[in-house]
Amino acid sequence: MPASRLAAQWEGPALVGQLQLRLIVLDAERGAVAAALTVGSPQCSGGLDSLGQWQRGILVLKPYRPEPDAAACEVQVRVDADGRRAWVSETGCGAYRGAACVFEGQLQAR
């Protein structure tokens, strides 16, 4: 699926709370996107403004403005062949969210 067919809005359950993902395709040919990812629950919240790359069904997001002295943060969004469901996982993104929240869960295109 080309980047131009990615849905602009996604929502779904996180491991704790709810995830929301907003996408803007910057360059469909190169798969470049801008993204805003948020997670929230009564216990915690977090957000990541990022630039990303779409390649072979996986969107890789990295912070637009990395936190100083923070671990390297990367979020992967794996989108199904229909482009309607996605699975989110993260590595090293603790500086962008509360300790009880993680950028992990399932999303549905809206």
PDB file of N, CA and C in Angstrom:
ATOM      1  N   MET A   1       0.843  -1.175   0.000  1.00  0.00           N
ATOM      2  CA  MET A   1       0.000   0.000   0.000  1.00  0.00           C
ATOM      3  C   MET A   1       0.893   1.246   0.000  1.00  0.00           C
ATOM      4  N   PRO A   2       0.645   2.188  -0.886  1.00  0.00           N
ATOM      5  CA  PRO A   2       1.447   3.415  -0.914  1.00  0.00           C
ATOM      6  C   PRO A   2       1.109   4.336   0.260  1.00  0.00           C
ATOM      7  N   ALA A   3       2.040   5.183   0.631  1.00  0.00           N
ATOM      8  CA  ALA A   3       1.830   6.114   1.739  1.00  0.00           C
ATOM      9  C   ALA A   3       0.623   7.009   1.498  1.00  0.00           C
ATOM     10  N   SER A   4       0.332   7.325   0.261  1.00  0.00           N
ATOM     11  CA  SER A   4      -0.796   8.208  -0.049  1.00  0.00           C
ATOM     12  C   SER A   4      -2.133   7.616   0.377  1.00  0.00           C
ATOM     13  N   ARG A   5      -2.200   6.307   0.608  1.00  0.00           N
ATOM     14  CA  ARG A   5      -3.449   5.658   1.022  1.00  0.00           C
ATOM     15  C   ARG A   5      -3.567   5.488   2.531  1.00  0.00           C
ATOM     16  N   LEU A   6      -2.569   5.935   3.284  1.00  0.00           N
ATOM     17  CA  LEU A   6      -2.650   5.841   4.739  1.00  0.00           C
ATOM     18  C   LEU A   6      -3.764   6.739   5.259  1.00  0.00           C
ATOM     19  N   ALA A   7      -4.537   6.222   6.211  1.00  0.00           N
ATOM     20  CA  ALA A   7      -5.584   7.029   6.837  1.00  0.00           C
ATOM     21  C   ALA A   7      -4.940   8.146   7.651  1.00  0.00           C
ATOM     22  N   ALA A   8      -5.637   9.267   7.752  1.00  0.00           N
ATOM     23  CA  ALA A   8      -5.104  10.418   8.480  1.00  0.00           C
ATOM     24  C   ALA A   8      -5.316  10.307   9.986  1.00  0.00           C
ATOM     25  N   GLN A   9      -6.362   9.582  10.416  1.00  0.00           N
ATOM     26  CA  GLN A   9      -6.682   9.492  11.836  1.00  0.00           C
ATOM     27  C   GLN A   9      -6.857   8.039  12.246  1.00  0.00           C
ATOM     28  N   TRP A  10      -6.267   7.702  13.407  1.00  0.00           N
ATOM     29  CA  TRP A  10      -6.320   6.354  13.961  1.00  0.00           C
ATOM     30  C   TRP A  10      -6.607   6.456  15.455  1.00  0.00           C
ATOM     31  N   GLU A  11      -7.365   5.492  15.988  1.00  0.00           N
ATOM     32  CA  GLU A  11      -7.636   5.439  17.426  1.00  0.00           C
ATOM     33  C   GLU A  11      -7.765   3.993  17.858  1.00  0.00           C
ATOM     34  N   GLY A  12      -7.506   3.745  19.147  1.00  0.00           N
ATOM     35  CA  GLY A  12      -7.693   2.404  19.667  1.00  0.00           C
ATOM     36  C   GLY A  12      -7.117   2.237  21.054  1.00  0.00           C
ATOM     37  N   PRO A  13      -7.309   1.037  21.624  1.00  0.00           N
ATOM     38  CA  PRO A  13      -6.840   0.783  22.982  1.00  0.00           C
ATOM     39  C   PRO A  13      -5.330   0.590  23.057  1.00  0.00           C
ATOM     40  N   ALA A  14      -4.742   1.204  24.063  1.00  0.00           N
ATOM     41  CA  ALA A  14      -3.333   0.973  24.398  1.00  0.00           C
ATOM     42  C   ALA A  14      -3.289  -0.102  25.476  1.00  0.00           C
ATOM     43  N   LEU A  15      -2.105  -0.540  25.842  1.00  0.00           N
ATOM     44  CA  LEU A  15      -1.995  -1.467  26.969  1.00  0.00           C
ATOM     45  C   LEU A  15      -2.608  -0.849  28.216  1.00  0.00           C
ATOM     46  N   VAL A  16      -2.431   0.472  28.383  1.00  0.00           N
ATOM     47  CA  VAL A  16      -3.097   1.246  29.430  1.00  0.00           C
ATOM     48  C   VAL A  16      -3.666   2.479  28.756  1.00  0.00           C
ATOM     49  N   GLY A  17      -4.988   2.650  28.794  1.00  0.00           N
ATOM     50  CA  GLY A  17      -5.606   3.839  28.227  1.00  0.00           C
ATOM     51  C   GLY A  17      -5.911   3.728  26.746  1.00  0.00           C
ATOM     52  N   GLN A  18      -5.875   4.867  26.075  1.00  0.00           N
ATOM     53  CA  GLN A  18      -6.227   4.973  24.662  1.00  0.00           C
ATOM     54  C   GLN A  18      -5.090   5.596  23.868  1.00  0.00           C
ATOM     55  N   LEU A  19      -4.938   5.134  22.638  1.00  0.00           N
ATOM     56  CA  LEU A  19      -3.969   5.691  21.696  1.00  0.00           C
ATOM     57  C   LEU A  19      -4.693   6.486  20.623  1.00  0.00           C
ATOM     58  N   GLN A  20      -4.087   7.570  20.181  1.00  0.00           N
ATOM     59  CA  GLN A  20      -4.548   8.318  19.018  1.00  0.00           C
ATOM     60  C   GLN A  20      -3.336   8.639  18.156  1.00  0.00           C
ATOM     61  N   LEU A  21      -3.503   8.491  16.853  1.00  0.00           N
ATOM     62  CA  LEU A  21      -2.438   8.789  15.903  1.00  0.00           C
ATOM     63  C   LEU A  21      -3.015   9.642  14.790  1.00  0.00           C
ATOM     64  N   ARG A  22      -2.371  10.770  14.525  1.00  0.00           N
ATOM     65  CA  ARG A  22      -2.751  11.656  13.425  1.00  0.00           C
ATOM     66  C   ARG A  22      -1.576  11.712  12.461  1.00  0.00           C
ATOM     67  N   LEU A  23      -1.852  11.523  11.172  1.00  0.00           N
ATOM     68  CA  LEU A  23      -0.795  11.490  10.158  1.00  0.00           C
ATOM     69  C   LEU A  23      -1.019  12.539   9.083  1.00  0.00           C
ATOM     70  N   ILE A  24       0.069  13.092   8.590  1.00  0.00           N
ATOM     71  CA  ILE A  24       0.069  13.938   7.400  1.00  0.00           C
ATOM     72  C   ILE A  24       1.154  13.383   6.487  1.00  0.00           C
ATOM     73  N   VAL A  25       0.779  12.999   5.285  1.00  0.00           N
ATOM     74  CA  VAL A  25       1.764  12.504   4.322  1.00  0.00           C
ATOM     75  C   VAL A  25       2.465  13.715   3.713  1.00  0.00           C
ATOM     76  N   LEU A  26       3.765  13.805   3.914  1.00  0.00           N
ATOM     77  CA  LEU A  26       4.558  14.928   3.412  1.00  0.00           C
ATOM     78  C   LEU A  26       5.064  14.684   1.999  1.00  0.00           C
ATOM     79  N   ASP A  27       5.456  13.460   1.718  1.00  0.00           N
ATOM     80  CA  ASP A  27       5.978  13.080   0.406  1.00  0.00           C
ATOM     81  C   ASP A  27       5.586  11.629   0.160  1.00  0.00           C
ATOM     82  N   ALA A  28       4.507  11.432  -0.592  1.00  0.00           N
ATOM     83  CA  ALA A  28       3.978  10.082  -0.813  1.00  0.00           C
ATOM     84  C   ALA A  28       4.973   9.189  -1.542  1.00  0.00           C
ATOM     85  N   GLU A  29       5.682   9.739  -2.487  1.00  0.00           N
ATOM     86  CA  GLU A  29       6.634   8.948  -3.267  1.00  0.00           C
ATOM     87  C   GLU A  29       7.762   8.395  -2.397  1.00  0.00           C
ATOM     88  N   ARG A  30       8.231   9.192  -1.473  1.00  0.00           N
ATOM     89  CA  ARG A  30       9.322   8.768  -0.581  1.00  0.00           C
ATOM     90  C   ARG A  30       8.821   8.148   0.717  1.00  0.00           C
ATOM     91  N   GLY A  31       7.514   8.201   0.982  1.00  0.00           N
ATOM     92  CA  GLY A  31       6.957   7.626   2.201  1.00  0.00           C
ATOM     93  C   GLY A  31       7.182   8.464   3.445  1.00  0.00           C
ATOM     94  N   ALA A  32       7.439   9.759   3.288  1.00  0.00           N
ATOM     95  CA  ALA A  32       7.693  10.637   4.432  1.00  0.00           C
ATOM     96  C   ALA A  32       6.379  11.132   5.027  1.00  0.00           C
ATOM     97  N   VAL A  33       6.263  11.045   6.361  1.00  0.00           N
ATOM     98  CA  VAL A  33       5.062  11.494   7.054  1.00  0.00           C
ATOM     99  C   VAL A  33       5.437  12.306   8.288  1.00  0.00           C
ATOM    100  N   ALA A  34       4.503  13.145   8.713  1.00  0.00           N
ATOM    101  CA  ALA A  34       4.561  13.790  10.020  1.00  0.00           C
ATOM    102  C   ALA A  34       3.459  13.144  10.843  1.00  0.00           C
ATOM    103  N   ALA A  35       3.703  12.955  12.137  1.00  0.00           N
ATOM    104  CA  ALA A  35       2.730  12.251  12.964  1.00  0.00           C
ATOM    105  C   ALA A  35       2.671  12.849  14.356  1.00  0.00           C
ATOM    106  N   ALA A  36       1.480  12.775  14.950  1.00  0.00           N
ATOM    107  CA  ALA A  36       1.278  13.114  16.356  1.00  0.00           C
ATOM    108  C   ALA A  36       0.650  11.888  17.005  1.00  0.00           C
ATOM    109  N   LEU A  37       1.349  11.302  17.962  1.00  0.00           N
ATOM    110  CA  LEU A  37       0.890  10.110  18.665  1.00  0.00           C
ATOM    111  C   LEU A  37       0.662  10.481  20.120  1.00  0.00           C
ATOM    112  N   THR A  38      -0.522  10.145  20.660  1.00  0.00           N
ATOM    113  CA  THR A  38      -0.812  10.405  22.065  1.00  0.00           C
ATOM    114  C   THR A  38      -1.329   9.138  22.722  1.00  0.00           C
ATOM    115  N   VAL A  39      -1.069   9.038  24.013  1.00  0.00           N
ATOM    116  CA  VAL A  39      -1.605   7.962  24.839  1.00  0.00           C
ATOM    117  C   VAL A  39      -2.135   8.623  26.101  1.00  0.00           C
ATOM    118  N   GLY A  40      -3.274   8.132  26.595  1.00  0.00           N
ATOM    119  CA  GLY A  40      -3.833   8.736  27.789  1.00  0.00           C
ATOM    120  C   GLY A  40      -4.738   7.795  28.549  1.00  0.00           C
ATOM    121  N   SER A  41      -4.739   7.979  29.866  1.00  0.00           N
ATOM    122  CA  SER A  41      -5.624   7.251  30.771  1.00  0.00           C
ATOM    123  C   SER A  41      -5.749   8.111  32.020  1.00  0.00           C
ATOM    124  N   PRO A  42      -6.607   7.735  32.960  1.00  0.00           N
ATOM    125  CA  PRO A  42      -6.659   8.503  34.208  1.00  0.00           C
ATOM    126  C   PRO A  42      -5.326   8.505  34.967  1.00  0.00           C
ATOM    127  N   GLN A  43      -4.489   7.485  34.767  1.00  0.00           N
ATOM    128  CA  GLN A  43      -3.227   7.384  35.497  1.00  0.00           C
ATOM    129  C   GLN A  43      -2.070   8.131  34.847  1.00  0.00           C
ATOM    130  N   CYS A  44      -2.109   8.339  33.540  1.00  0.00           N
ATOM    131  CA  CYS A  44      -0.946   8.924  32.867  1.00  0.00           C
ATOM    132  C   CYS A  44      -1.317   9.432  31.481  1.00  0.00           C
ATOM    133  N   SER A  45      -0.373  10.136  30.886  1.00  0.00           N
ATOM    134  CA  SER A  45      -0.562  10.593  29.510  1.00  0.00           C
ATOM    135  C   SER A  45       0.805  10.817  28.879  1.00  0.00           C
ATOM    136  N   GLY A  46       0.801  10.929  27.568  1.00  0.00           N
ATOM    137  CA  GLY A  46       2.044  11.191  26.865  1.00  0.00           C
ATOM    138  C   GLY A  46       1.778  11.561  25.426  1.00  0.00           C
ATOM    139  N   GLY A  47       2.789  12.111  24.781  1.00  0.00           N
ATOM    140  CA  GLY A  47       2.647  12.494  23.389  1.00  0.00           C
ATOM    141  C   GLY A  47       3.988  12.548  22.692  1.00  0.00           C
ATOM    142  N   LEU A  48       3.951  12.288  21.403  1.00  0.00           N
ATOM    143  CA  LEU A  48       5.162  12.284  20.589  1.00  0.00           C
ATOM    144  C   LEU A  48       4.847  12.917  19.243  1.00  0.00           C
ATOM    145  N   ASP A  49       5.454  14.073  18.976  1.00  0.00           N
ATOM    146  CA  ASP A  49       5.393  14.676  17.646  1.00  0.00           C
ATOM    147  C   ASP A  49       6.590  14.135  16.888  1.00  0.00           C
ATOM    148  N   SER A  50       6.344  13.627  15.696  1.00  0.00           N
ATOM    149  CA  SER A  50       7.428  12.905  15.034  1.00  0.00           C
ATOM    150  C   SER A  50       7.411  13.067  13.525  1.00  0.00           C
ATOM    151  N   LEU A  51       8.537  12.710  12.958  1.00  0.00           N
ATOM    152  CA  LEU A  51       8.669  12.523  11.522  1.00  0.00           C
ATOM    153  C   LEU A  51       8.856  11.033  11.311  1.00  0.00           C
ATOM    154  N   GLY A  52       8.310  10.521  10.223  1.00  0.00           N
ATOM    155  CA  GLY A  52       8.390   9.087  10.023  1.00  0.00           C
ATOM    156  C   GLY A  52       8.601   8.693   8.585  1.00  0.00           C
ATOM    157  N   GLN A  53       8.849   7.411   8.442  1.00  0.00           N
ATOM    158  CA  GLN A  53       9.101   6.819   7.130  1.00  0.00           C
ATOM    159  C   GLN A  53       8.203   5.602   6.966  1.00  0.00           C
ATOM    160  N   TRP A  54       7.498   5.523   5.851  1.00  0.00           N
ATOM    161  CA  TRP A  54       6.610   4.413   5.517  1.00  0.00           C
ATOM    162  C   TRP A  54       7.340   3.486   4.564  1.00  0.00           C
ATOM    163  N   GLN A  55       7.512   2.215   4.973  1.00  0.00           N
ATOM    164  CA  GLN A  55       8.184   1.239   4.124  1.00  0.00           C
ATOM    165  C   GLN A  55       7.561  -0.131   4.326  1.00  0.00           C
ATOM    166  N   ARG A  56       7.069  -0.710   3.254  1.00  0.00           N
ATOM    167  CA  ARG A  56       6.574  -2.083   3.252  1.00  0.00           C
ATOM    168  C   ARG A  56       5.632  -2.405   4.413  1.00  0.00           C
ATOM    169  N   GLY A  57       4.648  -1.570   4.639  1.00  0.00           N
ATOM    170  CA  GLY A  57       3.640  -1.837   5.655  1.00  0.00           C
ATOM    171  C   GLY A  57       4.013  -1.459   7.067  1.00  0.00           C
ATOM    172  N   ILE A  58       5.169  -0.839   7.255  1.00  0.00           N
ATOM    173  CA  ILE A  58       5.595  -0.417   8.592  1.00  0.00           C
ATOM    174  C   ILE A  58       5.925   1.071   8.564  1.00  0.00           C
ATOM    175  N   LEU A  59       5.336   1.786   9.499  1.00  0.00           N
ATOM    176  CA  LEU A  59       5.620   3.202   9.678  1.00  0.00           C
ATOM    177  C   LEU A  59       6.566   3.330  10.867  1.00  0.00           C
ATOM    178  N   VAL A  60       7.751   3.877  10.652  1.00  0.00           N
ATOM    179  CA  VAL A  60       8.740   4.068  11.717  1.00  0.00           C
ATOM    180  C   VAL A  60       8.757   5.548  12.080  1.00  0.00           C
ATOM    181  N   LEU A  61       8.449   5.842  13.351  1.00  0.00           N
ATOM    182  CA  LEU A  61       8.371   7.220  13.833  1.00  0.00           C
ATOM    183  C   LEU A  61       9.493   7.502  14.822  1.00  0.00           C
ATOM    184  N   LYS A  62      10.092   8.684  14.689  1.00  0.00           N
ATOM    185  CA  LYS A  62      11.130   9.137  15.621  1.00  0.00           C
ATOM    186  C   LYS A  62      10.809  10.576  16.007  1.00  0.00           C
ATOM    187  N   PRO A  63      11.166  10.990  17.223  1.00  0.00           N
ATOM    188  CA  PRO A  63      10.826  12.339  17.684  1.00  0.00           C
ATOM    189  C   PRO A  63      11.320  13.426  16.733  1.00  0.00           C
ATOM    190  N   TYR A  64      10.435  14.410  16.514  1.00  0.00           N
ATOM    191  CA  TYR A  64      10.802  15.570  15.706  1.00  0.00           C
ATOM    192  C   TYR A  64      11.864  16.391  16.433  1.00  0.00           C
ATOM    193  N   ARG A  65      11.670  16.569  17.727  1.00  0.00           N
ATOM    194  CA  ARG A  65      12.633  17.273  18.581  1.00  0.00           C
ATOM    195  C   ARG A  65      12.963  16.363  19.759  1.00  0.00           C
ATOM    196  N   PRO A  66      14.016  15.572  19.639  1.00  0.00           N
ATOM    197  CA  PRO A  66      14.362  14.635  20.714  1.00  0.00           C
ATOM    198  C   PRO A  66      14.658  15.353  22.031  1.00  0.00           C
ATOM    199  N   GLU A  67      14.231  14.732  23.128  1.00  0.00           N
ATOM    200  CA  GLU A  67      14.530  15.250  24.461  1.00  0.00           C
ATOM    201  C   GLU A  67      16.031  15.111  24.725  1.00  0.00           C
ATOM    202  N   PRO A  68      16.661  16.155  25.275  1.00  0.00           N
ATOM    203  CA  PRO A  68      18.089  16.049  25.595  1.00  0.00           C
ATOM    204  C   PRO A  68      18.331  14.921  26.600  1.00  0.00           C
ATOM    205  N   ASP A  69      19.365  14.178  26.405  1.00  0.00           N
ATOM    206  CA  ASP A  69      19.783  13.092  27.303  1.00  0.00           C
ATOM    207  C   ASP A  69      18.791  11.936  27.382  1.00  0.00           C
ATOM    208  N   ALA A  70      17.795  11.898  26.510  1.00  0.00           N
ATOM    209  CA  ALA A  70      16.830  10.788  26.512  1.00  0.00           C
ATOM    210  C   ALA A  70      17.351   9.646  25.640  1.00  0.00           C
ATOM    211  N   ALA A  71      16.882   8.449  25.940  1.00  0.00           N
ATOM    212  CA  ALA A  71      17.217   7.289  25.105  1.00  0.00           C
ATOM    213  C   ALA A  71      16.665   7.507  23.700  1.00  0.00           C
ATOM    214  N   ALA A  72      17.230   6.821  22.737  1.00  0.00           N
ATOM    215  CA  ALA A  72      16.728   6.900  21.358  1.00  0.00           C
ATOM    216  C   ALA A  72      15.333   6.286  21.317  1.00  0.00           C
ATOM    217  N   CYS A  73      14.353   7.072  20.928  1.00  0.00           N
ATOM    218  CA  CYS A  73      12.953   6.642  20.881  1.00  0.00           C
ATOM    219  C   CYS A  73      12.578   6.270  19.453  1.00  0.00           C
ATOM    220  N   GLU A  74      11.923   5.121  19.310  1.00  0.00           N
ATOM    221  CA  GLU A  74      11.397   4.704  18.009  1.00  0.00           C
ATOM    222  C   GLU A  74      10.063   4.008  18.223  1.00  0.00           C
ATOM    223  N   VAL A  75       9.074   4.410  17.446  1.00  0.00           N
ATOM    224  CA  VAL A  75       7.759   3.773  17.458  1.00  0.00           C
ATOM    225  C   VAL A  75       7.554   3.120  16.106  1.00  0.00           C
ATOM    226  N   GLN A  76       7.083   1.872  16.128  1.00  0.00           N
ATOM    227  CA  GLN A  76       6.750   1.178  14.886  1.00  0.00           C
ATOM    228  C   GLN A  76       5.250   0.954  14.834  1.00  0.00           C
ATOM    229  N   VAL A  77       4.666   1.290  13.689  1.00  0.00           N
ATOM    230  CA  VAL A  77       3.241   1.081  13.444  1.00  0.00           C
ATOM    231  C   VAL A  77       3.138   0.127  12.262  1.00  0.00           C
ATOM    232  N   ARG A  78       2.661  -1.080  12.521  1.00  0.00           N
ATOM    233  CA  ARG A  78       2.501  -2.094  11.469  1.00  0.00           C
ATOM    234  C   ARG A  78       1.049  -2.073  11.010  1.00  0.00           C
ATOM    235  N   VAL A  79       0.847  -1.772   9.747  1.00  0.00           N
ATOM    236  CA  VAL A  79      -0.495  -1.615   9.185  1.00  0.00           C
ATOM    237  C   VAL A  79      -0.850  -2.859   8.384  1.00  0.00           C
ATOM    238  N   ASP A  80      -2.102  -3.335   8.545  1.00  0.00           N
ATOM    239  CA  ASP A  80      -2.528  -4.519   7.793  1.00  0.00           C
ATOM    240  C   ASP A  80      -2.684  -4.194   6.310  1.00  0.00           C
ATOM    241  N   ALA A  81      -2.840  -5.221   5.491  1.00  0.00           N
ATOM    242  CA  ALA A  81      -2.887  -5.060   4.031  1.00  0.00           C
ATOM    243  C   ALA A  81      -4.053  -4.192   3.573  1.00  0.00           C
ATOM    244  N   ASP A  82      -5.155  -4.181   4.342  1.00  0.00           N
ATOM    245  CA  ASP A  82      -6.319  -3.362   3.989  1.00  0.00           C
ATOM    246  C   ASP A  82      -6.153  -1.900   4.394  1.00  0.00           C
ATOM    247  N   GLY A  83      -5.165  -1.619   5.237  1.00  0.00           N
ATOM    248  CA  GLY A  83      -4.949  -0.251   5.683  1.00  0.00           C
ATOM    249  C   GLY A  83      -5.956   0.234   6.694  1.00  0.00           C
ATOM    250  N   ARG A  84      -6.628  -0.690   7.396  1.00  0.00           N
ATOM    251  CA  ARG A  84      -7.668  -0.296   8.349  1.00  0.00           C
ATOM    252  C   ARG A  84      -7.285  -0.565   9.807  1.00  0.00           C
ATOM    253  N   ARG A  85      -6.374  -1.516  10.043  1.00  0.00           N
ATOM    254  CA  ARG A  85      -5.946  -1.836  11.406  1.00  0.00           C
ATOM    255  C   ARG A  85      -4.430  -1.723  11.499  1.00  0.00           C
ATOM    256  N   ALA A  86      -3.964  -1.391  12.709  1.00  0.00           N
ATOM    257  CA  ALA A  86      -2.524  -1.252  12.910  1.00  0.00           C
ATOM    258  C   ALA A  86      -2.163  -1.651  14.334  1.00  0.00           C
ATOM    259  N   TRP A  87      -0.906  -2.051  14.499  1.00  0.00           N
ATOM    260  CA  TRP A  87      -0.370  -2.435  15.798  1.00  0.00           C
ATOM    261  C   TRP A  87       0.829  -1.550  16.088  1.00  0.00           C
ATOM    262  N   VAL A  88       0.848  -0.978  17.289  1.00  0.00           N
ATOM    263  CA  VAL A  88       1.870  -0.012  17.680  1.00  0.00           C
ATOM    264  C   VAL A  88       2.788  -0.629  18.733  1.00  0.00           C
ATOM    265  N   SER A  89       4.095  -0.434  18.559  1.00  0.00           N
ATOM    266  CA  SER A  89       5.072  -0.830  19.577  1.00  0.00           C
ATOM    267  C   SER A  89       6.149   0.250  19.649  1.00  0.00           C
ATOM    268  N   GLU A  90       6.837   0.307  20.769  1.00  0.00           N
ATOM    269  CA  GLU A  90       7.844   1.347  20.978  1.00  0.00           C
ATOM    270  C   GLU A  90       9.109   0.779  21.586  1.00  0.00           C
ATOM    271  N   THR A  91      10.185   1.537  21.418  1.00  0.00           N
ATOM    272  CA  THR A  91      11.460   1.239  22.060  1.00  0.00           C
ATOM    273  C   THR A  91      12.057   2.548  22.559  1.00  0.00           C
ATOM    274  N   GLY A  92      12.343   2.640  23.853  1.00  0.00           N
ATOM    275  CA  GLY A  92      13.070   3.780  24.404  1.00  0.00           C
ATOM    276  C   GLY A  92      12.329   5.092  24.471  1.00  0.00           C
ATOM    277  N   CYS A  93      11.008   5.081  24.571  1.00  0.00           N
ATOM    278  CA  CYS A  93      10.237   6.330  24.506  1.00  0.00           C
ATOM    279  C   CYS A  93       9.734   6.826  25.863  1.00  0.00           C
ATOM    280  N   GLY A  94      10.329   6.379  26.960  1.00  0.00           N
ATOM    281  CA  GLY A  94       9.884   6.761  28.292  1.00  0.00           C
ATOM    282  C   GLY A  94       9.886   8.257  28.554  1.00  0.00           C
ATOM    283  N   ALA A  95      10.743   9.014  27.906  1.00  0.00           N
ATOM    284  CA  ALA A  95      10.814  10.462  28.124  1.00  0.00           C
ATOM    285  C   ALA A  95       9.613  11.203  27.545  1.00  0.00           C
ATOM    286  N   TYR A  96       8.786  10.530  26.768  1.00  0.00           N
ATOM    287  CA  TYR A  96       7.672  11.176  26.065  1.00  0.00           C
ATOM    288  C   TYR A  96       6.307  10.786  26.620  1.00  0.00           C
ATOM    289  N   ARG A  97       6.290  10.031  27.730  1.00  0.00           N
ATOM    290  CA  ARG A  97       5.027   9.553  28.296  1.00  0.00           C
ATOM    291  C   ARG A  97       5.213   9.276  29.779  1.00  0.00           C
ATOM    292  N   GLY A  98       4.094   9.116  30.493  1.00  0.00           N
ATOM    293  CA  GLY A  98       4.151   8.736  31.895  1.00  0.00           C
ATOM    294  C   GLY A  98       4.627   7.302  32.053  1.00  0.00           C
ATOM    295  N   ALA A  99       5.125   6.985  33.242  1.00  0.00           N
ATOM    296  CA  ALA A  99       5.686   5.654  33.489  1.00  0.00           C
ATOM    297  C   ALA A  99       4.649   4.545  33.324  1.00  0.00           C
ATOM    298  N   ALA A 100       3.386   4.818  33.617  1.00  0.00           N
ATOM    299  CA  ALA A 100       2.350   3.787  33.526  1.00  0.00           C
ATOM    300  C   ALA A 100       1.805   3.621  32.112  1.00  0.00           C
ATOM    301  N   CYS A 101       2.118   4.539  31.218  1.00  0.00           N
ATOM    302  CA  CYS A 101       1.628   4.476  29.840  1.00  0.00           C
ATOM    303  C   CYS A 101       2.744   4.020  28.906  1.00  0.00           C
ATOM    304  N   VAL A 102       2.355   3.369  27.837  1.00  0.00           N
ATOM    305  CA  VAL A 102       3.308   3.033  26.775  1.00  0.00           C
ATOM    306  C   VAL A 102       2.634   3.267  25.432  1.00  0.00           C
ATOM    307  N   PHE A 103       3.440   3.519  24.421  1.00  0.00           N
ATOM    308  CA  PHE A 103       2.927   3.644  23.062  1.00  0.00           C
ATOM    309  C   PHE A 103       2.837   2.242  22.466  1.00  0.00           C
ATOM    310  N   GLU A 104       1.919   1.450  22.984  1.00  0.00           N
ATOM    311  CA  GLU A 104       1.704   0.095  22.487  1.00  0.00           C
ATOM    312  C   GLU A 104       0.220  -0.208  22.520  1.00  0.00           C
ATOM    313  N   GLY A 105      -0.260  -0.830  21.447  1.00  0.00           N
ATOM    314  CA  GLY A 105      -1.661  -1.201  21.379  1.00  0.00           C
ATOM    315  C   GLY A 105      -2.103  -1.382  19.942  1.00  0.00           C
ATOM    316  N   GLN A 106      -3.432  -1.399  19.763  1.00  0.00           N
ATOM    317  CA  GLN A 106      -4.034  -1.575  18.440  1.00  0.00           C
ATOM    318  C   GLN A 106      -4.757  -0.308  18.035  1.00  0.00           C
ATOM    319  N   LEU A 107      -4.737  -0.037  16.739  1.00  0.00           N
ATOM    320  CA  LEU A 107      -5.420   1.135  16.199  1.00  0.00           C
ATOM    321  C   LEU A 107      -6.373   0.729  15.086  1.00  0.00           C
ATOM    322  N   GLN A 108      -7.432   1.499  14.939  1.00  0.00           N
ATOM    323  CA  GLN A 108      -8.368   1.385  13.818  1.00  0.00           C
ATOM    324  C   GLN A 108      -8.348   2.701  13.064  1.00  0.00           C
ATOM    325  N   ALA A 109      -8.351   2.643  11.754  1.00  0.00           N
ATOM    326  CA  ALA A 109      -8.442   3.861  10.944  1.00  0.00           C
ATOM    327  C   ALA A 109      -9.821   4.474  11.140  1.00  0.00           C
ATOM    328  N   ARG A 110      -9.890   5.797  11.190  1.00  0.00           N
ATOM    329  CA  ARG A 110     -11.170   6.513  11.376  1.00  0.00           C
ATOM    330  C   ARG A 110     -11.526   7.294  10.139  1.00  0.00           C
TER     331      ARG A 110
END
